[in-house]
């Protein structure tokens, strides 16, 4: 199923956002996301899924991706404002993007494929969604649908290394040892010189 491949690509992109991966260009990134969402919807239309359900799934996809982009890009001092998928698909005067009615359309369990996709997106959502009770009851009805676990960027603990103290040099003992050695050498040298001088006389 082509839509399964495209949907997995959308999930992989969402994971990239969550893990705060590097995005060189927000314009290209938004364009790629928009293209994948459009392709997913076209594939679902070709398989004769309900247009109402497809629209609800598109809304949920935009909501989840936008929420993660605002949160995780914002943590990197990057603004997602002006690149929102919600506005790319529905403009700026469309009201609430995802409502209780959209949740009912997705989670009424009469379209297993779309319900499966919706459950995975809902599990990844960083914001509360309408229809939470309906999703919970549906999760028990569909044991084969395994929600994708929320991926939390690993918290890097500071590496604490034991403080290395500079080697303490015992100055005076070292100096005294050197002076002692020099004194011995001078004594030996003086004795040798005296011996030869006396012998020569």
Foldseek 3Di string as FASTA:
>chain_A
DVLVVLLVVLVVVLVCLQQLHDDPDLVVVLVVNLVSLVVNLVVVVVVVDDPLLSQLLSLLSLQQSQVSNCVRVVVVVHHCPPSRPCCVPPNDPPPDSHDLVSVCSQQVPPDVVSVLSNQQSCQQHPDDHHPPVSSVVSCVVCVVRDHDHHDHHDDDDDDDDPDDDPDDDPPVVVVVVVVVVVVVVVVVVVVVVVVVVVVVD
